[in-house]
Amino acid sequence: MGQPTHAQNWWRSAVIYQVYVRSFADGDGDGTGDLAGVRAKLPYLAELGVDALWFNPWYLSPMKDGGYDVADYRVIDPAFGTLAEAEKLIAEAKELGIRTLVDIVPNHVSDQHPWFRAALAGGPERELFHFRPGRGEHGELPPNDWPSQFAGSAEPVWTRLPDGTWYLHLFTPEQPDLNWAHPAVRQEHEEILRFWFERGVAGVRIDSAALLAKDPDLPDFVEGRDPHPYVDRDELHDIYRSWRTIADAYDGIFVGEVWLPDTERFARYLRPDELHTAFNFSFLSCPWDAGRLRTSIDETLAEHAPVGAPATWVLCNHDVTRTVTRYGRADSGFDFATKAFGIPTDLALGTRRARAGALLSLALPGAVYLYQGEELGLPEAEIPRDRIQDPMHFRSGGTDPGRDGCRVPLPWTADAPYAGFGGEPWLPQPSGWSAYAADLQAADPGSMLSLYRAALTIRPEFGDGPLTWLHTPEGVLAFARPGQEGRLLCVVNLADAPADLPAHSRLLLGSGPLDPQGRLPKDTAVWLRG
């Protein structure tokens, strides 16, 4: 058998653009982003230079958790369009050289899913979920004490029904957990994978990939217990090996959302017969600190090396404070537990760092995920409390601002109503949002959009080669990678003083200008040809 071609290995070094459809572009003017809006912006995405699009769930859903409460995987939610439009979008993107990844949420479904509705009616479908009698003299207490997966939430993960039984939901009550020990659950998801691969998708992103399997006894939660009653259980690997045979039949790929502190256990999901890639949350949550970033990069590459899987790099996604805002704060890391209203932010500082961070992430070996609007340098929006829709906010008792701030609809045209998004957006755009509009930035060679376009044009020169750290002063990160036309260097200055550049033949790209002495200013990155 011959070596895989570059086309087959595209995912190992791809730049994958995350599309949160609801907030991307509104094609029909109703204030909600839709597939028509995405199709109209495909030329923009092609010019940006991305290799693939990853769509957050676009399926039929009551939208109690932004579409992650799926009622039917074979139907596009009417707010977004139709299955026929999705098929056109997949085909039209492919014609432009852009692949498509869809999202599946195997841990749970919507409470409006036909299975759960039948279960509530007392049907045999109850076996497809986790129904249990309660504890206490009259069954008034939940079956166990598991904590909610929504950060900061003290709410239980069990809801009691009028007949006295309880059902499990690690997330909201509208998202009942599936029983993955039941063969019908496995069969249905394998059919869902085939359904979408048949429609031309190139891959699938797996939400909460380490949560599916549960201890059948559903014991109380004990800190440090091994194995964990519902995280990273060994039964998961058999599920993903079965999925891998399906993906291989279609030349498809998987990326898993796997939050695990144990690097050895994390790597198990990336063995050659399981998932292709997994998200790298260490780098995403890392503060703007040279030592911490280098440690994160080294540990990420080391944990992927034994299984030969490529690393993934991401600065932001639909759940996380936007990079420009996060990097402009005194604490520039990210932790769900520390999210709060009114944190002081220096957006000018955050923007400088976000520009440098973009060049850092795009120069690393592996794949990069780019969340929509990051290429425009959008900050986190402050949503008025009476307009917040994210359940994370309500389940925290109103202390957590939620995730809506990074989901505000994009600005496309500066002089158009609602910055060219379409109709009045489902989340309010802040005043001044039009200053970030794509049409303004496309005409400005110094804009964040122009920086990303230039970087994505050059990035293929880095190829697939390894990273070698260079000796630098404290606070400066510099590494070399073998390029297609000689060695390429990436240098990032996180120190307080300007830094001398290593020997090089040419400056390829900078996140900002050099100082008059040709040195690299603070919070600036460059790509050099060695």
Protein backbone atom coordinates (compact mmCIF):
# COMPACT_ATOMS: atom_id res chain seq x y z
CA MET A 1 0.00 0.00 0.00
CA GLY A 2 1.46 3.38 -1.00
CA GLN A 3 2.01 6.43 1.17
CA PRO A 4 -1.03 8.68 1.72
CA THR A 5 -1.16 11.61 -0.69
CA HIS A 6 -1.20 15.23 0.44
CA ALA A 7 -4.90 15.38 -0.47
CA GLN A 8 -5.57 12.47 1.89
CA ASN A 9 -3.49 14.13 4.61
CA TRP A 10 -4.99 17.61 4.16
CA TRP A 11 -6.26 17.61 7.74
CA ARG A 12 -2.79 17.32 9.25
CA SER A 13 -1.90 20.94 8.44
CA ALA A 14 -5.25 22.49 7.52
CA VAL A 15 -6.65 25.86 8.52
CA ILE A 16 -10.27 25.14 9.46
CA TYR A 17 -12.68 28.05 9.84
CA GLN A 18 -15.41 27.66 12.45
CA VAL A 19 -18.83 28.86 11.28
CA TYR A 20 -21.41 29.61 13.96
CA VAL A 21 -24.23 29.85 11.40
CA ARG A 22 -26.63 31.83 13.54
CA SER A 23 -24.17 34.75 13.68
CA PHE A 24 -22.28 34.50 10.40
CA ALA A 25 -24.46 36.12 7.71
CA ASP A 26 -28.22 36.54 7.32
CA GLY A 27 -29.37 35.79 3.78
CA ASP A 28 -33.13 36.25 4.22
CA GLY A 29 -33.19 39.32 6.46
CA ASP A 30 -34.85 37.78 9.51
CA GLY A 31 -31.95 38.57 11.86
CA THR A 32 -30.68 34.99 12.12
CA GLY A 33 -27.67 33.80 10.15
CA ASP A 34 -28.45 31.05 7.67
CA LEU A 35 -27.02 28.79 4.98
CA ALA A 36 -27.95 31.28 2.26
CA GLY A 37 -25.78 33.82 4.04
CA VAL A 38 -22.86 31.40 4.25
CA ARG A 39 -23.18 30.49 0.55
CA ALA A 40 -23.05 34.19 -0.36
CA LYS A 41 -19.82 34.59 1.63
CA LEU A 42 -18.00 31.56 0.19
CA PRO A 43 -15.87 33.81 -2.07
CA TYR A 44 -14.78 35.74 1.05
CA LEU A 45 -13.76 32.49 2.74
CA ALA A 46 -11.92 31.31 -0.37
CA GLU A 47 -10.02 34.62 -0.55
CA LEU A 48 -9.19 34.34 3.13
CA GLY A 49 -7.46 31.07 2.26
CA VAL A 50 -9.01 28.51 4.60
CA ASP A 51 -8.98 24.79 3.79
CA ALA A 52 -12.24 23.75 5.43
CA LEU A 53 -15.32 24.99 7.28
CA TRP A 54 -16.51 23.50 10.55
CA PHE A 55 -20.18 24.20 11.19
CA ASN A 56 -21.63 24.26 14.67
CA PRO A 57 -24.87 22.22 14.78
CA TRP A 58 -27.25 23.31 12.03
CA TYR A 59 -29.85 20.63 12.71
CA LEU A 60 -33.46 20.86 13.82
CA SER A 61 -33.36 22.16 17.39
CA PRO A 62 -35.42 24.12 19.95
CA MET A 63 -32.19 26.14 20.46
CA LYS A 64 -32.19 25.80 24.23
CA ASP A 65 -28.38 25.56 24.05
CA GLY A 66 -27.41 27.16 20.76
CA GLY A 67 -28.29 24.10 18.67
CA TYR A 68 -26.43 21.60 20.85
CA ASP A 69 -29.85 20.23 21.77
CA VAL A 70 -30.50 18.28 18.55
CA ALA A 71 -34.02 17.06 17.72
CA ASP A 72 -33.22 15.53 14.30
CA TYR A 73 -29.81 15.10 12.64
CA ARG A 74 -31.32 14.56 9.20
CA VAL A 75 -33.22 17.87 9.09
CA ILE A 76 -31.69 21.35 8.88
CA ASP A 77 -33.32 23.76 11.31
CA PRO A 78 -35.76 25.97 9.36
CA ALA A 79 -34.08 29.06 10.82
CA PHE A 80 -30.98 28.11 8.81
CA GLY A 81 -32.48 26.63 5.64
CA THR A 82 -33.07 23.17 4.22
CA LEU A 83 -31.18 19.95 3.67
CA ALA A 84 -31.06 20.76 -0.05
CA GLU A 85 -29.35 24.08 0.76
CA ALA A 86 -26.84 22.30 2.99
CA GLU A 87 -26.03 19.92 0.14
CA LYS A 88 -25.57 22.89 -2.22
CA LEU A 89 -23.34 24.61 0.30
CA ILE A 90 -21.16 21.52 0.70
CA ALA A 91 -20.86 21.17 -3.09
CA GLU A 92 -20.23 24.88 -3.77
CA ALA A 93 -17.56 25.07 -1.08
CA LYS A 94 -15.88 21.98 -2.53
CA GLU A 95 -15.74 23.66 -5.95
CA LEU A 96 -13.75 26.46 -4.29
CA GLY A 97 -11.39 23.96 -2.69
CA ILE A 98 -13.00 24.21 0.74
CA ARG A 99 -14.05 21.08 2.62
CA THR A 100 -16.89 20.85 5.14
CA LEU A 101 -17.01 19.44 8.68
CA VAL A 102 -20.24 19.04 10.62
CA ASP A 103 -20.80 18.82 14.35
CA ILE A 104 -22.46 15.95 16.20
CA VAL A 105 -23.45 15.87 19.86
CA PRO A 106 -23.50 12.20 20.86
CA ASN A 107 -23.72 12.64 24.62
CA HIS A 108 -27.31 13.87 24.51
CA VAL A 109 -30.27 14.91 22.38
CA SER A 110 -33.00 17.50 22.71
CA ASP A 111 -35.97 16.76 24.93
CA GLN A 112 -37.97 17.24 21.72
CA HIS A 113 -36.20 14.32 20.02
CA PRO A 114 -38.70 11.58 19.04
CA TRP A 115 -36.92 9.07 21.26
CA PHE A 116 -37.25 11.18 24.38
CA ARG A 117 -40.83 12.15 23.68
CA ALA A 118 -41.67 8.44 23.37
CA ALA A 119 -39.72 7.79 26.58
CA LEU A 120 -41.77 10.39 28.45
CA ALA A 121 -44.88 8.62 27.22
CA GLY A 122 -43.64 5.46 28.95
CA GLY A 123 -42.41 3.64 25.86
CA PRO A 124 -39.47 1.23 25.65
CA GLU A 125 -37.36 4.19 24.47
CA ARG A 126 -36.70 4.84 28.17
CA GLU A 127 -33.92 2.28 27.83
CA LEU A 128 -32.14 4.69 25.46
CA PHE A 129 -31.69 7.20 28.30
CA HIS A 130 -30.81 7.11 32.00
CA PHE A 131 -34.08 6.91 33.96
CA ARG A 132 -33.82 6.03 37.64
CA PRO A 133 -35.95 6.09 40.80
CA GLY A 134 -35.00 8.74 43.31
CA ARG A 135 -33.46 8.28 46.72
CA GLY A 136 -35.02 9.19 50.02
CA GLU A 137 -38.16 7.91 51.72
CA HIS A 138 -40.40 8.99 48.87
CA GLY A 139 -37.88 9.09 46.01
CA GLU A 140 -37.66 12.85 46.40
CA LEU A 141 -33.86 12.99 46.18
CA PRO A 142 -31.84 12.68 42.94
CA PRO A 143 -30.35 9.25 42.17
CA ASN A 144 -26.81 10.59 42.66
CA ASP A 145 -24.86 13.78 43.29
CA TRP A 146 -23.06 14.35 39.98
CA PRO A 147 -22.19 18.01 39.25
CA SER A 148 -23.43 19.85 36.18
CA GLN A 149 -21.10 20.31 33.20
CA PHE A 150 -22.04 23.97 32.99
CA ALA A 151 -19.27 25.81 34.79
CA GLY A 152 -20.33 27.60 37.93
CA SER A 153 -23.66 25.82 38.05
CA ALA A 154 -24.81 24.24 41.29
CA GLU A 155 -27.93 22.83 39.69
CA PRO A 156 -28.45 19.06 39.76
CA VAL A 157 -28.06 16.88 36.68
CA TRP A 158 -31.32 15.06 37.38
CA THR A 159 -34.86 16.18 36.64
CA ARG A 160 -37.89 14.51 38.24
CA LEU A 161 -40.93 13.66 36.19
CA PRO A 162 -44.56 13.63 37.40
CA ASP A 163 -44.44 9.84 37.71
CA GLY A 164 -41.63 10.18 40.26
CA THR A 165 -38.76 8.93 38.10
CA TRP A 166 -35.69 11.00 37.33
CA TYR A 167 -33.66 11.36 34.12
CA LEU A 168 -30.00 12.31 33.73
CA HIS A 169 -28.73 15.40 31.88
CA LEU A 170 -25.12 16.48 32.37
CA PHE A 171 -26.05 19.76 30.69
CA THR A 172 -29.51 21.39 30.70
CA PRO A 173 -32.77 19.55 31.49
CA GLU A 174 -33.64 20.03 27.82
CA GLN A 175 -30.62 17.85 26.90
CA PRO A 176 -31.21 14.31 28.25
CA ASP A 177 -28.13 12.07 28.19
CA LEU A 178 -28.22 9.01 25.95
CA ASN A 179 -27.47 5.50 27.22
CA TRP A 180 -24.50 4.43 25.13
CA ALA A 181 -24.66 0.91 26.55
CA HIS A 182 -27.74 0.34 24.38
CA PRO A 183 -26.99 -0.97 20.86
CA ALA A 184 -29.72 1.17 19.26
CA VAL A 185 -27.89 4.33 20.35
CA ARG A 186 -24.68 3.14 18.71
CA GLN A 187 -26.47 2.04 15.55
CA GLU A 188 -28.30 5.34 15.15
CA HIS A 189 -25.12 7.41 15.42
CA GLU A 190 -23.29 5.21 12.96
CA GLU A 191 -26.15 5.79 10.52
CA ILE A 192 -25.97 9.55 11.17
CA LEU A 193 -22.26 9.49 10.27
CA ARG A 194 -22.99 7.66 7.02
CA PHE A 195 -25.84 10.06 6.24
CA TRP A 196 -23.53 13.08 6.30
CA PHE A 197 -20.52 11.42 4.70
CA GLU A 198 -22.85 10.43 1.85
CA ARG A 199 -23.66 14.12 1.42
CA GLY A 200 -20.05 15.01 0.90
CA VAL A 201 -18.78 16.21 4.25
CA ALA A 202 -15.08 15.67 4.80
CA GLY A 203 -15.21 15.26 8.54
CA VAL A 204 -17.08 15.38 11.81
CA ARG A 205 -16.37 17.27 15.01
CA ILE A 206 -17.48 15.34 18.11
CA ASP A 207 -18.87 17.43 20.96
CA SER A 208 -18.03 16.40 24.55
CA ALA A 209 -16.30 13.33 23.16
CA ALA A 210 -15.13 11.98 26.53
CA LEU A 211 -18.54 12.00 28.26
CA LEU A 212 -20.63 9.41 26.40
CA ALA A 213 -20.09 6.28 28.52
CA LYS A 214 -21.44 6.16 32.07
CA ASP A 215 -20.84 3.75 34.94
CA PRO A 216 -23.98 1.58 34.76
CA ASP A 217 -24.37 1.80 38.55
CA LEU A 218 -24.43 5.62 38.39
CA PRO A 219 -22.57 5.91 41.73
CA ASP A 220 -22.10 9.14 43.64
CA PHE A 221 -19.23 11.36 42.51
CA VAL A 222 -16.00 10.85 44.46
CA GLU A 223 -13.11 13.18 43.66
CA GLY A 224 -10.17 11.21 42.27
CA ARG A 225 -12.07 7.94 41.79
CA ASP A 226 -10.63 5.86 38.94
CA PRO A 227 -12.34 5.11 36.70
CA HIS A 228 -14.43 8.26 36.63
CA PRO A 229 -18.17 7.49 36.57
CA TYR A 230 -18.78 9.46 33.36
CA VAL A 231 -15.54 10.98 31.98
CA ASP A 232 -12.98 9.16 29.83
CA ARG A 233 -14.25 5.65 30.42
CA ASP A 234 -12.54 2.80 28.60
CA GLU A 235 -15.76 1.81 26.82
CA LEU A 236 -15.45 4.94 24.68
CA HIS A 237 -12.55 3.58 22.66
CA ASP A 238 -14.57 0.72 21.25
CA ILE A 239 -17.19 3.25 20.09
CA TYR A 240 -14.60 5.38 18.30
CA ARG A 241 -12.87 2.41 16.71
CA SER A 242 -16.22 1.47 15.20
CA TRP A 243 -16.69 5.04 13.97
CA ARG A 244 -13.20 5.09 12.46
CA THR A 245 -14.05 2.22 10.11
CA ILE A 246 -16.97 4.29 8.81
CA ALA A 247 -14.86 7.42 8.34
CA ASP A 248 -12.14 5.47 6.56
CA ALA A 249 -14.67 4.16 4.06
CA TYR A 250 -15.40 7.76 3.02
CA ASP A 251 -11.88 9.23 3.51
CA GLY A 252 -13.45 11.28 6.30
CA ILE A 253 -11.84 12.58 9.46
CA PHE A 254 -12.80 13.20 13.08
CA VAL A 255 -11.84 15.93 15.52
CA GLY A 256 -12.81 15.31 19.12
CA GLU A 257 -13.62 17.79 21.86
CA VAL A 258 -11.60 16.05 24.55
CA TRP A 259 -10.88 17.92 27.80
CA LEU A 260 -8.47 15.71 29.77
CA PRO A 261 -5.57 16.71 32.04
CA ASP A 262 -3.88 13.29 31.69
CA THR A 263 -1.81 13.52 28.51
CA GLU A 264 -1.35 9.78 28.18
CA ARG A 265 -5.07 9.14 28.35
CA PHE A 266 -5.71 12.02 25.97
CA ALA A 267 -3.38 10.45 23.40
CA ARG A 268 -5.35 7.19 23.50
CA TYR A 269 -8.15 8.88 21.57
CA LEU A 270 -5.67 9.67 18.78
CA ARG A 271 -4.40 6.16 18.16
CA PRO A 272 -4.36 5.26 14.44
CA ASP A 273 -7.67 3.38 14.64
CA GLU A 274 -9.59 6.04 16.63
CA LEU A 275 -9.92 9.82 16.17
CA HIS A 276 -7.72 11.70 13.73
CA THR A 277 -7.33 14.85 15.81
CA ALA A 278 -8.55 16.49 19.01
CA PHE A 279 -8.84 20.08 20.15
CA ASN A 280 -5.95 21.52 22.12
CA PHE A 281 -7.47 23.35 25.06
CA SER A 282 -4.15 23.91 26.83
CA PHE A 283 -3.01 26.39 24.19
CA LEU A 284 -6.43 28.05 23.94
CA SER A 285 -6.58 28.78 27.67
CA CYS A 286 -2.90 29.74 28.04
CA PRO A 287 -2.12 33.32 29.14
CA TRP A 288 0.08 35.65 27.09
CA ASP A 289 3.27 34.54 28.80
CA ALA A 290 6.37 33.25 27.02
CA GLY A 291 7.17 30.49 29.49
CA ARG A 292 3.59 29.24 29.74
CA LEU A 293 3.11 29.29 25.97
CA ARG A 294 6.34 27.41 25.34
CA THR A 295 5.38 24.79 27.92
CA SER A 296 1.96 24.40 26.33
CA ILE A 297 3.49 24.00 22.86
CA ASP A 298 6.08 21.49 24.06
CA GLU A 299 3.56 19.42 26.01
CA THR A 300 1.10 19.45 23.12
CA LEU A 301 3.67 18.22 20.62
CA ALA A 302 4.97 15.62 23.08
CA GLU A 303 1.53 14.13 23.82
CA HIS A 304 0.74 13.81 20.11
CA ALA A 305 4.10 12.36 19.09
CA PRO A 306 3.65 8.78 20.39
CA VAL A 307 0.54 8.23 18.26
CA GLY A 308 1.70 10.22 15.24
CA ALA A 309 -1.29 12.56 15.35
CA PRO A 310 -1.03 16.22 14.38
CA ALA A 311 -1.56 18.86 17.03
CA THR A 312 -4.34 21.42 16.72
CA TRP A 313 -4.01 25.08 17.64
CA VAL A 314 -6.84 27.47 18.43
CA LEU A 315 -7.05 30.85 20.13
CA CYS A 316 -10.83 31.15 20.46
CA ASN A 317 -14.11 29.39 19.76
CA HIS A 318 -17.85 29.86 20.28
CA ASP A 319 -17.54 29.15 24.04
CA VAL A 320 -14.49 31.25 24.88
CA THR A 321 -13.79 34.95 25.45
CA ARG A 322 -12.51 36.46 22.20
CA THR A 323 -8.73 36.73 21.88
CA VAL A 324 -8.52 40.52 21.54
CA THR A 325 -10.39 40.95 24.82
CA ARG A 326 -8.71 38.11 26.70
CA TYR A 327 -5.19 39.22 25.74
CA GLY A 328 -5.99 42.78 26.84
CA ARG A 329 -6.68 41.81 30.46
CA ALA A 330 -4.41 41.53 33.47
CA ASP A 331 -5.25 37.80 33.54
CA SER A 332 -4.92 36.87 29.87
CA GLY A 333 -5.64 33.17 30.35
CA PHE A 334 -9.07 31.60 30.11
CA ASP A 335 -11.02 29.70 32.73
CA PHE A 336 -14.79 29.25 32.74
CA ALA A 337 -14.76 29.58 36.53
CA THR A 338 -13.35 33.13 36.40
CA LYS A 339 -15.72 34.61 33.82
CA ALA A 340 -17.40 37.71 35.21
CA PHE A 341 -18.99 40.99 34.23
CA GLY A 342 -17.00 44.23 34.02
CA ILE A 343 -13.40 42.97 33.79
CA PRO A 344 -11.15 45.89 32.70
CA THR A 345 -9.73 45.39 29.21
CA ASP A 346 -7.13 47.27 27.15
CA LEU A 347 -8.31 46.55 23.59
CA ALA A 348 -5.30 48.21 21.95
CA LEU A 349 -2.97 45.94 23.91
CA GLY A 350 -5.19 42.94 23.26
CA THR A 351 -5.22 43.63 19.53
CA ARG A 352 -1.42 43.84 19.34
CA ARG A 353 -1.11 40.57 21.19
CA ALA A 354 -3.86 38.91 19.13
CA ARG A 355 -2.03 39.85 15.92
CA ALA A 356 1.18 38.34 17.29
CA GLY A 357 -0.71 35.31 18.59
CA ALA A 358 -2.15 34.72 15.13
CA LEU A 359 1.32 34.46 13.60
CA LEU A 360 2.49 32.24 16.46
CA SER A 361 -0.40 29.77 16.11
CA LEU A 362 -0.25 29.70 12.31
CA ALA A 363 3.48 28.90 12.33
CA LEU A 364 3.19 25.85 14.58
CA PRO A 365 3.16 22.31 13.12
CA GLY A 366 -0.32 20.84 12.83
CA ALA A 367 -3.81 22.13 12.07
CA VAL A 368 -5.28 25.49 13.07
CA TYR A 369 -8.92 26.28 13.90
CA LEU A 370 -9.98 29.87 13.25
CA TYR A 371 -13.22 31.04 14.85
CA GLN A 372 -15.31 33.38 12.72
CA GLY A 373 -14.59 37.03 13.40
CA GLU A 374 -11.13 36.42 14.81
CA GLU A 375 -9.76 37.41 11.39
CA LEU A 376 -11.56 40.74 11.90
CA GLY A 377 -10.09 41.28 15.36
CA LEU A 378 -13.52 41.38 16.99
CA PRO A 379 -13.54 41.98 20.75
CA GLU A 380 -15.85 40.23 23.19
CA ALA A 381 -19.15 42.14 23.20
CA GLU A 382 -20.87 43.08 26.43
CA ILE A 383 -24.46 41.93 26.05
CA PRO A 384 -27.11 43.84 28.03
CA ARG A 385 -28.38 41.54 30.75
CA ASP A 386 -31.92 41.63 29.41
CA ARG A 387 -30.70 40.39 26.01
CA ILE A 388 -28.52 37.48 27.17
CA GLN A 389 -29.75 34.13 25.85
CA ASP A 390 -27.04 31.67 26.91
CA PRO A 391 -28.27 29.11 29.48
CA MET A 392 -24.85 29.19 31.16
CA HIS A 393 -25.71 32.69 32.41
CA PHE A 394 -29.05 31.66 33.87
CA ARG A 395 -27.76 28.43 35.40
CA SER A 396 -25.07 30.43 37.22
CA GLY A 397 -27.70 32.55 38.93
CA GLY A 398 -26.77 35.49 36.72
CA THR A 399 -23.13 35.79 37.82
CA ASP A 400 -21.59 34.32 34.66
CA PRO A 401 -21.96 36.59 31.59
CA GLY A 402 -22.28 33.47 29.44
CA ARG A 403 -20.96 32.89 25.95
CA ASP A 404 -23.09 35.28 23.93
CA GLY A 405 -20.34 37.91 23.87
CA CYS A 406 -18.31 35.91 21.36
CA ARG A 407 -21.39 35.02 19.30
CA VAL A 408 -22.51 38.49 18.22
CA PRO A 409 -23.34 38.59 14.46
CA LEU A 410 -20.46 39.59 12.22
CA PRO A 411 -19.99 43.04 10.64
CA TRP A 412 -19.63 42.82 6.85
CA THR A 413 -20.35 46.26 5.38
CA ALA A 414 -19.61 49.43 7.32
CA ASP A 415 -22.31 51.68 5.85
CA ALA A 416 -25.13 49.12 5.74
CA PRO A 417 -27.79 48.59 8.41
CA TYR A 418 -26.60 46.25 11.15
CA ALA A 419 -23.12 46.40 9.63
CA GLY A 420 -24.30 44.35 6.65
CA PHE A 421 -25.22 41.25 8.65
CA GLY A 422 -28.81 41.26 7.35
CA GLY A 423 -31.90 41.91 9.42
CA GLU A 424 -31.89 43.11 13.02
CA PRO A 425 -29.52 40.60 14.66
CA TRP A 426 -30.72 38.05 17.19
CA LEU A 427 -28.01 39.39 19.52
CA PRO A 428 -27.36 43.15 19.62
CA GLN A 429 -24.23 44.46 17.93
CA PRO A 430 -22.32 46.98 20.09
CA SER A 431 -22.05 50.59 19.00
CA GLY A 432 -19.02 51.00 16.76
CA TRP A 433 -19.27 47.42 15.48
CA SER A 434 -19.20 48.66 11.87
CA ALA A 435 -15.60 49.85 12.38
CA TYR A 436 -14.61 46.17 12.24
CA ALA A 437 -16.50 45.54 8.99
CA ALA A 438 -14.88 43.19 6.48
CA ASP A 439 -15.21 45.65 3.59
CA LEU A 440 -13.21 48.31 5.47
CA GLN A 441 -10.54 45.83 6.52
CA ALA A 442 -10.20 44.36 3.02
CA ALA A 443 -9.16 47.80 1.79
CA ASP A 444 -6.68 48.39 4.62
CA PRO A 445 -3.31 46.63 4.26
CA GLY A 446 -2.68 47.12 7.98
CA SER A 447 -5.92 45.50 9.17
CA MET A 448 -6.33 42.23 11.03
CA LEU A 449 -8.07 40.75 7.97
CA SER A 450 -5.16 41.67 5.72
CA LEU A 451 -2.74 40.12 8.22
CA TYR A 452 -4.67 36.84 8.23
CA ARG A 453 -4.94 36.78 4.44
CA ALA A 454 -1.20 37.32 4.08
CA ALA A 455 -0.40 34.72 6.74
CA LEU A 456 -2.64 32.08 5.16
CA THR A 457 -1.01 32.72 1.79
CA ILE A 458 2.48 32.13 3.21
CA ARG A 459 1.62 29.38 5.71
CA PRO A 460 1.85 26.41 3.28
CA GLU A 461 5.59 27.14 2.98
CA PHE A 462 6.01 25.85 6.53
CA GLY A 463 5.03 22.38 5.34
CA ASP A 464 4.80 19.48 7.79
CA GLY A 465 8.26 19.61 9.29
CA PRO A 466 9.16 19.64 12.99
CA LEU A 467 9.82 22.62 15.24
CA THR A 468 13.26 23.51 16.64
CA TRP A 469 13.50 26.11 19.38
CA LEU A 470 16.16 28.82 19.02
CA HIS A 471 18.15 30.32 21.89
CA THR A 472 16.58 33.65 22.84
CA PRO A 473 16.49 36.15 25.70
CA GLU A 474 13.91 35.62 28.40
CA GLY A 475 10.44 36.54 27.22
CA VAL A 476 11.15 35.89 23.53
CA LEU A 477 9.92 32.80 21.68
CA ALA A 478 11.68 31.80 18.49
CA PHE A 479 11.64 28.56 16.53
CA ALA A 480 12.68 27.28 13.14
CA ARG A 481 10.85 24.94 10.81
CA PRO A 482 12.07 23.49 7.51
CA GLY A 483 10.25 25.28 4.70
CA GLN A 484 9.82 24.43 1.06
CA GLU A 485 12.55 26.92 0.10
CA GLY A 486 14.81 26.75 3.13
CA ARG A 487 14.40 27.30 6.84
CA LEU A 488 11.57 29.50 8.14
CA LEU A 489 11.63 31.26 11.50
CA CYS A 490 8.90 32.56 13.78
CA VAL A 491 9.88 35.07 16.48
CA VAL A 492 7.47 36.46 19.10
CA ASN A 493 8.50 39.08 21.62
CA LEU A 494 6.61 38.90 24.91
CA ALA A 495 9.37 40.70 26.85
CA ASP A 496 9.22 44.32 27.99
CA ALA A 497 12.06 45.53 25.74
CA PRO A 498 12.60 45.30 21.97
CA ALA A 499 14.44 42.17 20.85
CA ASP A 500 17.13 41.66 18.21
CA LEU A 501 16.11 39.38 15.36
CA PRO A 502 18.09 36.23 14.60
CA ALA A 503 20.08 36.07 11.39
CA HIS A 504 17.80 35.88 8.39
CA SER A 505 17.68 36.65 4.69
CA ARG A 506 14.21 38.15 4.46
CA LEU A 507 11.30 39.42 6.52
CA LEU A 508 8.21 37.60 5.23
CA LEU A 509 5.50 39.01 7.48
CA GLY A 510 5.11 40.94 10.70
CA SER A 511 2.21 41.48 13.07
CA GLY A 512 3.46 45.04 13.42
CA PRO A 513 6.39 47.19 12.26
CA LEU A 514 9.94 46.82 13.55
CA ASP A 515 11.38 49.69 15.55
CA PRO A 516 13.76 52.22 13.89
CA GLN A 517 16.75 50.04 14.87
CA GLY A 518 15.25 47.01 13.16
CA ARG A 519 14.38 45.30 16.42
CA LEU A 520 11.17 43.47 17.29
CA PRO A 521 8.92 45.53 19.61
CA LYS A 522 7.06 44.10 22.56
CA ASP A 523 3.94 42.05 21.73
CA THR A 524 4.96 41.66 18.10
CA ALA A 525 5.70 38.61 15.95
CA VAL A 526 7.49 38.09 12.64
CA TRP A 527 8.03 35.34 10.12
CA LEU A 528 11.52 35.25 8.62
CA ARG A 529 13.28 33.29 5.95
CA GLY A 530 16.47 31.88 7.42
